[in-house]
Amino acid sequence: MRSFIWLSVVALLAGAGTSFAKPPTIGECPAEVAADVPGAIATRCPCDGPGEAWKNHGKYVSCIVRYRNELRKLGCLDAEAKRTIARCAARSTCGKEGAVLCCTYDTSATCSDPTHDGTAAGVCSNDATKACDTATDCVVATGPPRVTRHEETCTARGGTAVGGGSVCSPCPLPTPVPPPPPAP
């Protein structure tokens, strides 16, 4: 029995290949991580969970903090990232069932382009340096996103639910509406 166990361990180690490769040492950030730290974090701790939704928000934040500490030890993070990664994870919708990011927009601006033909030939009334084709090109977010527990709560407060994520990302601007086709 003892020789069977020993042979099994040897076979397992021999077939493992690179899975038992030496991990990077402290201060050796892997090039693929250094090139895209946010992408590496999203891959390791996806907001939707590892194959299924997170059991709770704390599990998601714990995953982020553990990975942040690993990246810190490898020298992958600058001073700003060291401070903000956990804060952004804590202020996210991840692991909060039904939660959404809520953004508010100022839609009162107008565009001076009279043709609305797909070419930005006018300027916005709220920003004379911004070219526009229609008023939708002039929409601006009035602040950062907020986490709300339900989409209905967001819309009841005059906001627009923009999906999940972290408040550290800016509110996405609405997609401009394409101009209608010319009349025959």
N, C-alpha and C. Protein backbone atom coordinates (compact mmCIF):
# COMPACT_ATOMS: atom_id res chain seq x y z
N MET A 1 0.83 -1.19 0.00
CA MET A 1 0.00 0.00 0.00
C MET A 1 0.87 1.26 0.00
N ARG A 2 1.92 1.24 0.82
CA ARG A 2 2.81 2.38 0.92
C ARG A 2 3.48 2.68 -0.42
N SER A 3 3.90 1.66 -1.15
CA SER A 3 4.54 1.88 -2.45
C SER A 3 3.54 2.40 -3.46
N PHE A 4 2.28 1.99 -3.37
CA PHE A 4 1.25 2.50 -4.27
C PHE A 4 1.06 4.00 -4.07
N ILE A 5 1.00 4.44 -2.82
CA ILE A 5 0.84 5.87 -2.53
C ILE A 5 2.05 6.63 -3.06
N TRP A 6 3.26 6.11 -2.80
CA TRP A 6 4.47 6.78 -3.26
C TRP A 6 4.49 6.90 -4.78
N LEU A 7 4.14 5.80 -5.49
CA LEU A 7 4.11 5.83 -6.95
C LEU A 7 3.04 6.81 -7.45
N SER A 8 1.93 6.91 -6.76
CA SER A 8 0.87 7.84 -7.15
C SER A 8 1.35 9.29 -7.03
N VAL A 9 2.06 9.59 -5.95
CA VAL A 9 2.58 10.94 -5.75
C VAL A 9 3.61 11.27 -6.83
N VAL A 10 4.51 10.34 -7.13
CA VAL A 10 5.52 10.56 -8.16
C VAL A 10 4.85 10.77 -9.52
N ALA A 11 3.84 9.96 -9.84
CA ALA A 11 3.13 10.10 -11.12
C ALA A 11 2.42 11.44 -11.19
N LEU A 12 1.81 11.85 -10.11
CA LEU A 12 1.12 13.13 -10.08
C LEU A 12 2.10 14.27 -10.32
N LEU A 13 3.23 14.25 -9.64
CA LEU A 13 4.22 15.32 -9.80
C LEU A 13 4.83 15.30 -11.20
N ALA A 14 5.06 14.14 -11.76
CA ALA A 14 5.64 14.05 -13.09
C ALA A 14 4.68 14.57 -14.15
N GLY A 15 3.39 14.30 -13.98
CA GLY A 15 2.39 14.74 -14.96
C GLY A 15 1.95 16.17 -14.76
N ALA A 16 2.38 16.79 -13.69
CA ALA A 16 1.90 18.14 -13.39
C ALA A 16 2.48 19.18 -14.32
N GLY A 17 3.64 18.93 -14.89
CA GLY A 17 4.25 19.88 -15.82
C GLY A 17 4.50 21.23 -15.18
N THR A 18 4.00 22.28 -15.82
CA THR A 18 4.28 23.63 -15.35
C THR A 18 3.38 24.06 -14.20
N SER A 19 2.39 23.25 -13.82
CA SER A 19 1.52 23.69 -12.73
C SER A 19 2.26 23.81 -11.41
N PHE A 20 3.44 23.16 -11.31
CA PHE A 20 4.23 23.30 -10.10
C PHE A 20 5.44 24.18 -10.35
N ALA A 21 5.34 25.00 -11.38
CA ALA A 21 6.45 25.90 -11.69
C ALA A 21 6.64 26.88 -10.54
N LYS A 22 7.85 27.35 -10.41
CA LYS A 22 8.19 28.29 -9.34
C LYS A 22 7.39 29.58 -9.52
N PRO A 23 6.65 30.02 -8.51
CA PRO A 23 5.89 31.27 -8.63
C PRO A 23 6.86 32.46 -8.66
N PRO A 24 6.39 33.58 -9.20
CA PRO A 24 7.27 34.76 -9.20
C PRO A 24 7.67 35.13 -7.78
N THR A 25 8.86 35.65 -7.63
CA THR A 25 9.31 36.08 -6.32
C THR A 25 8.87 37.52 -6.08
N ILE A 26 9.03 37.97 -4.85
CA ILE A 26 8.62 39.31 -4.49
C ILE A 26 9.33 40.32 -5.40
N GLY A 27 8.54 41.26 -5.92
CA GLY A 27 9.09 42.29 -6.79
C GLY A 27 9.14 41.93 -8.26
N GLU A 28 8.68 40.73 -8.63
CA GLU A 28 8.67 40.30 -10.03
C GLU A 28 7.24 40.25 -10.54
N CYS A 29 6.74 41.36 -11.01
CA CYS A 29 5.38 41.42 -11.53
C CYS A 29 5.34 40.78 -12.91
N PRO A 30 4.48 39.77 -13.13
CA PRO A 30 4.37 39.17 -14.46
C PRO A 30 3.99 40.23 -15.50
N ALA A 31 4.58 40.16 -16.66
CA ALA A 31 4.38 41.17 -17.71
C ALA A 31 2.91 41.30 -18.09
N GLU A 32 2.18 40.18 -18.19
CA GLU A 32 0.78 40.25 -18.60
C GLU A 32 -0.08 40.95 -17.54
N VAL A 33 0.29 40.86 -16.28
CA VAL A 33 -0.43 41.56 -15.21
C VAL A 33 -0.05 43.04 -15.22
N ALA A 34 1.24 43.33 -15.35
CA ALA A 34 1.70 44.72 -15.36
C ALA A 34 1.07 45.51 -16.50
N ALA A 35 0.83 44.84 -17.63
CA ALA A 35 0.25 45.50 -18.80
C ALA A 35 -1.22 45.85 -18.60
N ASP A 36 -1.93 45.10 -17.73
CA ASP A 36 -3.37 45.33 -17.54
C ASP A 36 -3.79 44.90 -16.14
N VAL A 37 -3.44 45.70 -15.14
CA VAL A 37 -3.80 45.37 -13.75
C VAL A 37 -5.31 45.29 -13.57
N PRO A 38 -6.11 46.26 -14.05
CA PRO A 38 -7.57 46.14 -13.89
C PRO A 38 -8.13 44.87 -14.54
N GLY A 39 -7.59 44.51 -15.70
CA GLY A 39 -8.03 43.28 -16.36
C GLY A 39 -7.68 42.05 -15.56
N ALA A 40 -6.49 42.03 -14.97
CA ALA A 40 -6.08 40.90 -14.14
C ALA A 40 -6.98 40.77 -12.92
N ILE A 41 -7.34 41.90 -12.32
CA ILE A 41 -8.23 41.88 -11.16
C ILE A 41 -9.60 41.37 -11.57
N ALA A 42 -10.13 41.86 -12.69
CA ALA A 42 -11.45 41.44 -13.16
C ALA A 42 -11.47 39.95 -13.51
N THR A 43 -10.34 39.43 -13.98
CA THR A 43 -10.26 38.01 -14.29
C THR A 43 -10.22 37.17 -13.01
N ARG A 44 -9.43 37.60 -12.05
CA ARG A 44 -9.29 36.85 -10.80
C ARG A 44 -10.56 36.93 -9.96
N CYS A 45 -11.18 38.10 -9.90
CA CYS A 45 -12.36 38.32 -9.05
C CYS A 45 -13.46 38.99 -9.88
N PRO A 46 -14.08 38.26 -10.83
CA PRO A 46 -15.10 38.89 -11.66
C PRO A 46 -16.31 39.31 -10.83
N CYS A 47 -16.89 40.43 -11.19
CA CYS A 47 -18.03 40.97 -10.44
C CYS A 47 -19.17 39.97 -10.36
N ASP A 48 -19.38 39.20 -11.42
CA ASP A 48 -20.47 38.22 -11.43
C ASP A 48 -20.16 37.00 -10.59
N GLY A 49 -18.95 36.85 -10.14
CA GLY A 49 -18.57 35.73 -9.30
C GLY A 49 -17.80 34.68 -10.06
N PRO A 50 -17.16 33.80 -9.34
CA PRO A 50 -16.36 32.74 -9.96
C PRO A 50 -17.24 31.60 -10.46
N GLY A 51 -17.83 31.75 -11.63
CA GLY A 51 -18.71 30.72 -12.17
C GLY A 51 -20.15 30.86 -11.71
N GLU A 52 -20.39 31.58 -10.68
CA GLU A 52 -21.74 31.85 -10.16
C GLU A 52 -21.66 33.14 -9.36
N ALA A 53 -22.80 33.64 -8.97
CA ALA A 53 -22.81 34.90 -8.22
C ALA A 53 -22.09 34.73 -6.88
N TRP A 54 -21.49 35.81 -6.39
CA TRP A 54 -20.85 35.78 -5.07
C TRP A 54 -21.91 35.52 -4.02
N LYS A 55 -21.54 34.80 -2.99
CA LYS A 55 -22.47 34.51 -1.90
C LYS A 55 -22.94 35.81 -1.25
N ASN A 56 -22.02 36.76 -1.13
CA ASN A 56 -22.36 38.08 -0.60
C ASN A 56 -21.26 39.07 -1.00
N HIS A 57 -21.50 40.32 -0.72
CA HIS A 57 -20.58 41.38 -1.09
C HIS A 57 -19.22 41.21 -0.39
N GLY A 58 -19.24 40.76 0.84
CA GLY A 58 -18.01 40.57 1.60
C GLY A 58 -17.08 39.56 0.95
N LYS A 59 -17.63 38.52 0.36
CA LYS A 59 -16.79 37.51 -0.32
C LYS A 59 -16.09 38.13 -1.52
N TYR A 60 -16.79 38.98 -2.25
CA TYR A 60 -16.18 39.66 -3.39
C TYR A 60 -15.05 40.58 -2.92
N VAL A 61 -15.32 41.40 -1.92
CA VAL A 61 -14.31 42.34 -1.42
C VAL A 61 -13.11 41.57 -0.88
N SER A 62 -13.35 40.45 -0.21
CA SER A 62 -12.26 39.63 0.31
C SER A 62 -11.37 39.12 -0.82
N CYS A 63 -11.97 38.67 -1.91
CA CYS A 63 -11.20 38.20 -3.07
C CYS A 63 -10.32 39.33 -3.60
N ILE A 64 -10.90 40.52 -3.73
CA ILE A 64 -10.15 41.68 -4.25
C ILE A 64 -8.98 42.03 -3.33
N VAL A 65 -9.23 42.07 -2.04
CA VAL A 65 -8.18 42.46 -1.09
C VAL A 65 -7.05 41.44 -1.09
N ARG A 66 -7.39 40.15 -1.12
CA ARG A 66 -6.34 39.12 -1.16
C ARG A 66 -5.49 39.27 -2.43
N TYR A 67 -6.15 39.48 -3.57
CA TYR A 67 -5.41 39.61 -4.82
C TYR A 67 -4.61 40.92 -4.84
N ARG A 68 -5.18 41.99 -4.31
CA ARG A 68 -4.44 43.25 -4.24
C ARG A 68 -3.16 43.07 -3.43
N ASN A 69 -3.25 42.36 -2.31
CA ASN A 69 -2.07 42.13 -1.48
C ASN A 69 -1.02 41.30 -2.24
N GLU A 70 -1.48 40.34 -3.02
CA GLU A 70 -0.57 39.53 -3.83
C GLU A 70 0.12 40.41 -4.87
N LEU A 71 -0.65 41.26 -5.54
CA LEU A 71 -0.08 42.16 -6.55
C LEU A 71 0.88 43.17 -5.92
N ARG A 72 0.56 43.62 -4.73
CA ARG A 72 1.43 44.57 -4.02
C ARG A 72 2.78 43.92 -3.74
N LYS A 73 2.75 42.68 -3.27
CA LYS A 73 4.00 41.98 -2.96
C LYS A 73 4.84 41.74 -4.22
N LEU A 74 4.17 41.58 -5.37
CA LEU A 74 4.89 41.35 -6.62
C LEU A 74 5.37 42.65 -7.25
N GLY A 75 4.99 43.78 -6.67
CA GLY A 75 5.42 45.07 -7.20
C GLY A 75 4.63 45.53 -8.41
N CYS A 76 3.39 45.06 -8.55
CA CYS A 76 2.57 45.40 -9.72
C CYS A 76 1.78 46.70 -9.56
N LEU A 77 1.71 47.25 -8.35
CA LEU A 77 0.82 48.38 -8.10
C LEU A 77 1.58 49.66 -7.79
N ASP A 78 1.06 50.76 -8.30
CA ASP A 78 1.60 52.05 -7.92
C ASP A 78 0.91 52.49 -6.63
N ALA A 79 1.33 53.60 -6.05
CA ALA A 79 0.80 54.04 -4.76
C ALA A 79 -0.71 54.29 -4.83
N GLU A 80 -1.19 54.88 -5.92
CA GLU A 80 -2.62 55.16 -6.07
C GLU A 80 -3.43 53.86 -6.10
N ALA A 81 -3.00 52.88 -6.86
CA ALA A 81 -3.71 51.61 -6.94
C ALA A 81 -3.76 50.90 -5.59
N LYS A 82 -2.66 50.96 -4.85
CA LYS A 82 -2.64 50.33 -3.52
C LYS A 82 -3.74 50.90 -2.64
N ARG A 83 -3.99 52.22 -2.76
CA ARG A 83 -5.00 52.87 -1.93
C ARG A 83 -6.42 52.65 -2.42
N THR A 84 -6.62 52.58 -3.73
CA THR A 84 -7.99 52.63 -4.25
C THR A 84 -8.62 51.29 -4.58
N ILE A 85 -7.87 50.26 -4.81
CA ILE A 85 -8.45 48.99 -5.25
C ILE A 85 -9.49 48.48 -4.27
N ALA A 86 -9.16 48.39 -2.99
CA ALA A 86 -10.11 47.87 -2.00
C ALA A 86 -11.29 48.82 -1.82
N ARG A 87 -11.02 50.13 -1.86
CA ARG A 87 -12.09 51.11 -1.69
C ARG A 87 -13.10 50.99 -2.84
N CYS A 88 -12.61 50.83 -4.04
CA CYS A 88 -13.50 50.70 -5.19
C CYS A 88 -14.30 49.40 -5.12
N ALA A 89 -13.68 48.32 -4.67
CA ALA A 89 -14.40 47.05 -4.53
C ALA A 89 -15.50 47.18 -3.48
N ALA A 90 -15.19 47.86 -2.39
CA ALA A 90 -16.17 48.02 -1.32
C ALA A 90 -17.37 48.86 -1.78
N ARG A 91 -17.12 49.77 -2.70
CA ARG A 91 -18.19 50.64 -3.20
C ARG A 91 -18.63 50.16 -4.59
N SER A 92 -19.01 48.90 -4.66
CA SER A 92 -19.44 48.30 -5.93
C SER A 92 -20.75 47.54 -5.73
N THR A 93 -21.32 47.09 -6.84
CA THR A 93 -22.55 46.30 -6.80
C THR A 93 -22.26 44.81 -6.68
N CYS A 94 -21.01 44.41 -6.81
CA CYS A 94 -20.62 43.01 -6.85
C CYS A 94 -21.00 42.29 -5.56
N GLY A 95 -21.75 41.20 -5.71
CA GLY A 95 -22.20 40.43 -4.56
C GLY A 95 -23.43 40.99 -3.87
N LYS A 96 -24.01 42.03 -4.43
CA LYS A 96 -25.22 42.63 -3.88
C LYS A 96 -26.36 42.36 -4.85
N GLU A 97 -27.18 41.40 -4.53
CA GLU A 97 -28.25 40.99 -5.42
C GLU A 97 -29.20 42.16 -5.72
N GLY A 98 -29.44 42.41 -7.00
CA GLY A 98 -30.35 43.45 -7.44
C GLY A 98 -29.77 44.85 -7.47
N ALA A 99 -28.55 45.04 -6.95
CA ALA A 99 -27.95 46.37 -6.90
C ALA A 99 -27.51 46.81 -8.29
N VAL A 100 -27.60 48.11 -8.54
CA VAL A 100 -27.18 48.70 -9.81
C VAL A 100 -26.43 50.00 -9.56
N LEU A 101 -25.64 50.39 -10.54
CA LEU A 101 -25.06 51.73 -10.51
C LEU A 101 -26.10 52.68 -11.07
N CYS A 102 -26.26 53.80 -10.41
CA CYS A 102 -27.26 54.79 -10.79
C CYS A 102 -26.55 56.08 -11.17
N CYS A 103 -26.82 56.56 -12.38
CA CYS A 103 -26.21 57.79 -12.87
C CYS A 103 -27.30 58.81 -13.19
N THR A 104 -26.97 60.07 -12.99
CA THR A 104 -27.88 61.15 -13.37
C THR A 104 -27.20 61.97 -14.46
N TYR A 105 -28.00 62.46 -15.38
CA TYR A 105 -27.49 63.19 -16.54
C TYR A 105 -28.20 64.51 -16.70
N ASP A 106 -27.48 65.47 -17.24
CA ASP A 106 -28.06 66.75 -17.62
C ASP A 106 -28.35 66.65 -19.11
N THR A 107 -29.64 66.65 -19.46
CA THR A 107 -30.04 66.53 -20.86
C THR A 107 -30.60 67.84 -21.40
N SER A 108 -30.38 68.94 -20.70
CA SER A 108 -30.98 70.22 -21.09
C SER A 108 -30.22 70.96 -22.17
N ALA A 109 -29.02 70.54 -22.51
CA ALA A 109 -28.22 71.27 -23.49
C ALA A 109 -28.78 71.07 -24.90
N THR A 110 -28.47 72.01 -25.77
CA THR A 110 -28.88 71.93 -27.17
C THR A 110 -27.64 71.93 -28.05
N CYS A 111 -27.85 71.56 -29.30
CA CYS A 111 -26.76 71.53 -30.28
C CYS A 111 -27.11 72.52 -31.39
N SER A 112 -26.12 73.29 -31.81
CA SER A 112 -26.36 74.32 -32.83
C SER A 112 -26.33 73.79 -34.26
N ASP A 113 -26.08 72.50 -34.45
CA ASP A 113 -26.05 71.93 -35.80
C ASP A 113 -27.48 71.79 -36.33
N PRO A 114 -27.84 72.48 -37.40
CA PRO A 114 -29.22 72.45 -37.89
C PRO A 114 -29.54 71.23 -38.75
N THR A 115 -28.53 70.48 -39.22
CA THR A 115 -28.81 69.42 -40.18
C THR A 115 -29.02 68.04 -39.58
N HIS A 116 -28.41 67.72 -38.48
CA HIS A 116 -28.54 66.40 -37.84
C HIS A 116 -28.33 65.27 -38.86
N ASP A 117 -27.21 65.32 -39.53
CA ASP A 117 -26.92 64.39 -40.61
C ASP A 117 -25.81 63.38 -40.30
N GLY A 118 -25.39 63.32 -39.05
CA GLY A 118 -24.33 62.39 -38.67
C GLY A 118 -22.96 63.05 -38.64
N THR A 119 -22.88 64.29 -39.06
CA THR A 119 -21.62 65.04 -39.03
C THR A 119 -21.71 66.09 -37.92
N ALA A 120 -20.77 66.07 -37.01
CA ALA A 120 -20.77 67.01 -35.88
C ALA A 120 -20.31 68.38 -36.37
N ALA A 121 -21.26 69.21 -36.79
CA ALA A 121 -20.93 70.53 -37.34
C ALA A 121 -21.37 71.67 -36.42
N GLY A 122 -21.95 71.33 -35.25
CA GLY A 122 -22.37 72.35 -34.30
C GLY A 122 -21.58 72.25 -33.02
N VAL A 123 -21.96 73.10 -32.05
CA VAL A 123 -21.35 73.04 -30.73
C VAL A 123 -22.47 72.95 -29.69
N CYS A 124 -22.13 72.40 -28.53
CA CYS A 124 -23.09 72.23 -27.45
C CYS A 124 -23.29 73.54 -26.69
N SER A 125 -24.53 73.78 -26.25
CA SER A 125 -24.81 75.00 -25.49
C SER A 125 -24.18 74.98 -24.11
N ASN A 126 -23.88 73.80 -23.58
CA ASN A 126 -23.26 73.69 -22.26
C ASN A 126 -21.74 73.58 -22.32
N ASP A 127 -21.17 73.48 -23.53
CA ASP A 127 -19.72 73.38 -23.70
C ASP A 127 -19.37 73.76 -25.13
N ALA A 128 -19.00 75.00 -25.34
CA ALA A 128 -18.73 75.52 -26.68
C ALA A 128 -17.52 74.87 -27.35
N THR A 129 -16.75 74.08 -26.61
CA THR A 129 -15.60 73.40 -27.20
C THR A 129 -15.96 72.00 -27.70
N LYS A 130 -17.20 71.55 -27.42
CA LYS A 130 -17.61 70.19 -27.79
C LYS A 130 -18.44 70.22 -29.07
N ALA A 131 -17.94 69.53 -30.10
CA ALA A 131 -18.68 69.44 -31.36
C ALA A 131 -19.85 68.48 -31.21
N CYS A 132 -20.94 68.74 -31.93
CA CYS A 132 -22.12 67.90 -31.83
C CYS A 132 -22.88 67.86 -33.14
N ASP A 133 -23.73 66.86 -33.25
CA ASP A 133 -24.66 66.75 -34.37
C ASP A 133 -26.09 66.88 -33.87
N THR A 134 -26.36 66.29 -32.69
CA THR A 134 -27.68 66.38 -32.07
C THR A 134 -27.49 66.70 -30.59
N ALA A 135 -28.58 67.00 -29.91
CA ALA A 135 -28.52 67.33 -28.48
C ALA A 135 -28.03 66.15 -27.64
N THR A 136 -28.23 64.92 -28.10
CA THR A 136 -27.74 63.77 -27.34
C THR A 136 -26.23 63.76 -27.24
N ASP A 137 -25.56 64.41 -28.18
CA ASP A 137 -24.09 64.52 -28.12
C ASP A 137 -23.65 65.43 -26.98
N CYS A 138 -24.58 66.23 -26.43
CA CYS A 138 -24.26 67.22 -25.41
C CYS A 138 -24.62 66.76 -23.99
N VAL A 139 -25.14 65.56 -23.85
CA VAL A 139 -25.53 65.03 -22.54
C VAL A 139 -24.27 64.84 -21.69
N VAL A 140 -24.34 65.25 -20.41
CA VAL A 140 -23.22 65.08 -19.49
C VAL A 140 -23.72 64.45 -18.19
N ALA A 141 -22.87 63.65 -17.59
CA ALA A 141 -23.19 63.09 -16.27
C ALA A 141 -23.07 64.20 -15.24
N THR A 142 -23.98 64.24 -14.28
CA THR A 142 -23.95 65.30 -13.27
C THR A 142 -23.14 64.93 -12.05
N GLY A 143 -22.56 63.77 -12.04
CA GLY A 143 -21.74 63.34 -10.92
C GLY A 143 -21.32 61.89 -11.11
N PRO A 144 -20.65 61.35 -10.12
CA PRO A 144 -20.24 59.95 -10.22
C PRO A 144 -21.44 59.03 -10.00
N PRO A 145 -21.30 57.76 -10.38
CA PRO A 145 -22.40 56.82 -10.14
C PRO A 145 -22.57 56.54 -8.64
N ARG A 146 -23.76 56.13 -8.28
CA ARG A 146 -24.08 55.71 -6.91
C ARG A 146 -24.59 54.28 -6.96
N VAL A 147 -24.34 53.52 -5.91
CA VAL A 147 -24.90 52.18 -5.82
C VAL A 147 -26.29 52.30 -5.21
N THR A 148 -27.28 51.74 -5.89
CA THR A 148 -28.63 51.66 -5.32
C THR A 148 -29.03 50.19 -5.30
N ARG A 149 -29.85 49.84 -4.34
CA ARG A 149 -30.24 48.44 -4.15
C ARG A 149 -31.10 47.87 -5.26
N HIS A 150 -31.88 48.74 -5.92
CA HIS A 150 -32.78 48.26 -6.96
C HIS A 150 -32.88 49.28 -8.08
N GLU A 151 -33.08 48.82 -9.29
CA GLU A 151 -33.21 49.70 -10.45
C GLU A 151 -34.36 50.68 -10.25
N GLU A 152 -35.45 50.22 -9.66
CA GLU A 152 -36.62 51.08 -9.44
C GLU A 152 -36.28 52.26 -8.53
N THR A 153 -35.45 52.03 -7.53
CA THR A 153 -35.04 53.10 -6.62
C THR A 153 -34.26 54.16 -7.39
N CYS A 154 -33.42 53.72 -8.28
CA CYS A 154 -32.62 54.65 -9.09
C CYS A 154 -33.52 55.51 -9.97
N THR A 155 -34.41 54.88 -10.70
CA THR A 155 -35.27 55.65 -11.61
C THR A 155 -36.25 56.53 -10.85
N ALA A 156 -36.70 56.09 -9.69
CA ALA A 156 -37.61 56.92 -8.89
C ALA A 156 -36.94 58.20 -8.41
N ARG A 157 -35.62 58.18 -8.30
CA ARG A 157 -34.86 59.36 -7.87
C ARG A 157 -34.35 60.18 -9.06
N GLY A 158 -34.84 59.87 -10.26
CA GLY A 158 -34.45 60.62 -11.44
C GLY A 158 -33.17 60.15 -12.10
N GLY A 159 -32.70 58.99 -11.73
CA GLY A 159 -31.46 58.47 -12.30
C GLY A 159 -31.69 57.45 -13.39
N THR A 160 -30.61 56.97 -13.95
CA THR A 160 -30.63 55.94 -14.98
C THR A 160 -29.75 54.79 -14.50
N ALA A 161 -30.33 53.59 -14.42
CA ALA A 161 -29.56 52.41 -14.03
C ALA A 161 -28.65 52.03 -15.19
N VAL A 162 -27.35 51.90 -14.92
CA VAL A 162 -26.37 51.61 -15.97
C VAL A 162 -25.69 50.26 -15.79
N GLY A 163 -26.27 49.38 -14.99
CA GLY A 163 -25.70 48.05 -14.79
C GLY A 163 -24.90 47.97 -13.52
N GLY A 164 -24.01 46.98 -13.46
CA GLY A 164 -23.21 46.76 -12.27
C GLY A 164 -21.81 47.29 -12.41
N GLY A 165 -21.07 47.22 -11.31
CA GLY A 165 -19.68 47.66 -11.32
C GLY A 165 -19.36 48.48 -10.09
N SER A 166 -18.37 49.34 -10.22
CA SER A 166 -17.87 50.14 -9.11
C SER A 166 -18.15 51.62 -9.33
N VAL A 167 -18.32 52.34 -8.23
CA VAL A 167 -18.51 53.79 -8.32
C VAL A 167 -17.23 54.49 -8.74
N CYS A 168 -16.12 53.78 -8.79
CA CYS A 168 -14.86 54.39 -9.20
C CYS A 168 -14.78 54.60 -10.70
N SER A 169 -15.65 53.97 -11.45
CA SER A 169 -15.71 54.20 -12.89
C SER A 169 -16.67 55.34 -13.15
N PRO A 170 -16.41 56.17 -14.15
CA PRO A 170 -17.33 57.27 -14.43
C PRO A 170 -18.64 56.74 -15.02
N CYS A 171 -19.68 57.54 -14.94
CA CYS A 171 -20.95 57.19 -15.57
C CYS A 171 -20.74 57.13 -17.08
N PRO A 172 -21.22 56.08 -17.72
CA PRO A 172 -21.09 56.02 -19.17
C PRO A 172 -22.03 57.02 -19.81
N LEU A 173 -21.58 57.66 -20.86
CA LEU A 173 -22.45 58.59 -21.57
C LEU A 173 -23.38 57.82 -22.48
N PRO A 174 -24.62 58.27 -22.61
CA PRO A 174 -25.55 57.56 -23.50
C PRO A 174 -25.03 57.53 -24.93
N THR A 175 -25.36 56.48 -25.63
CA THR A 175 -24.97 56.36 -27.03
C THR A 175 -25.78 57.34 -27.86
N PRO A 176 -25.12 58.15 -28.67
CA PRO A 176 -25.87 59.09 -29.50
C PRO A 176 -26.83 58.36 -30.43
N VAL A 177 -27.97 58.95 -30.65
CA VAL A 177 -28.97 58.36 -31.54
C VAL A 177 -28.58 58.69 -32.98
N PRO A 178 -28.54 57.69 -33.85
CA PRO A 178 -28.15 57.99 -35.23
C PRO A 178 -29.23 58.86 -35.89
N PRO A 179 -28.82 59.67 -36.85
CA PRO A 179 -29.81 60.53 -37.51
C PRO A 179 -30.77 59.70 -38.35
N PRO A 180 -31.98 60.19 -38.54
CA PRO A 180 -32.92 59.44 -39.39
C PRO A 180 -32.42 59.46 -40.83
N PRO A 181 -32.82 58.44 -41.60
CA PRO A 181 -32.39 58.43 -43.00
C PRO A 181 -33.03 59.59 -43.76
N PRO A 182 -32.36 60.08 -44.79
CA PRO A 182 -32.91 61.20 -45.54
C PRO A 182 -34.22 60.80 -46.23
N ALA A 183 -35.11 61.74 -46.34
CA ALA A 183 -36.40 61.49 -47.00
C ALA A 183 -36.19 61.33 -48.49
N PRO A 184 -36.91 60.40 -49.12
CA PRO A 184 -36.72 60.20 -50.57
C PRO A 184 -37.30 61.33 -51.38
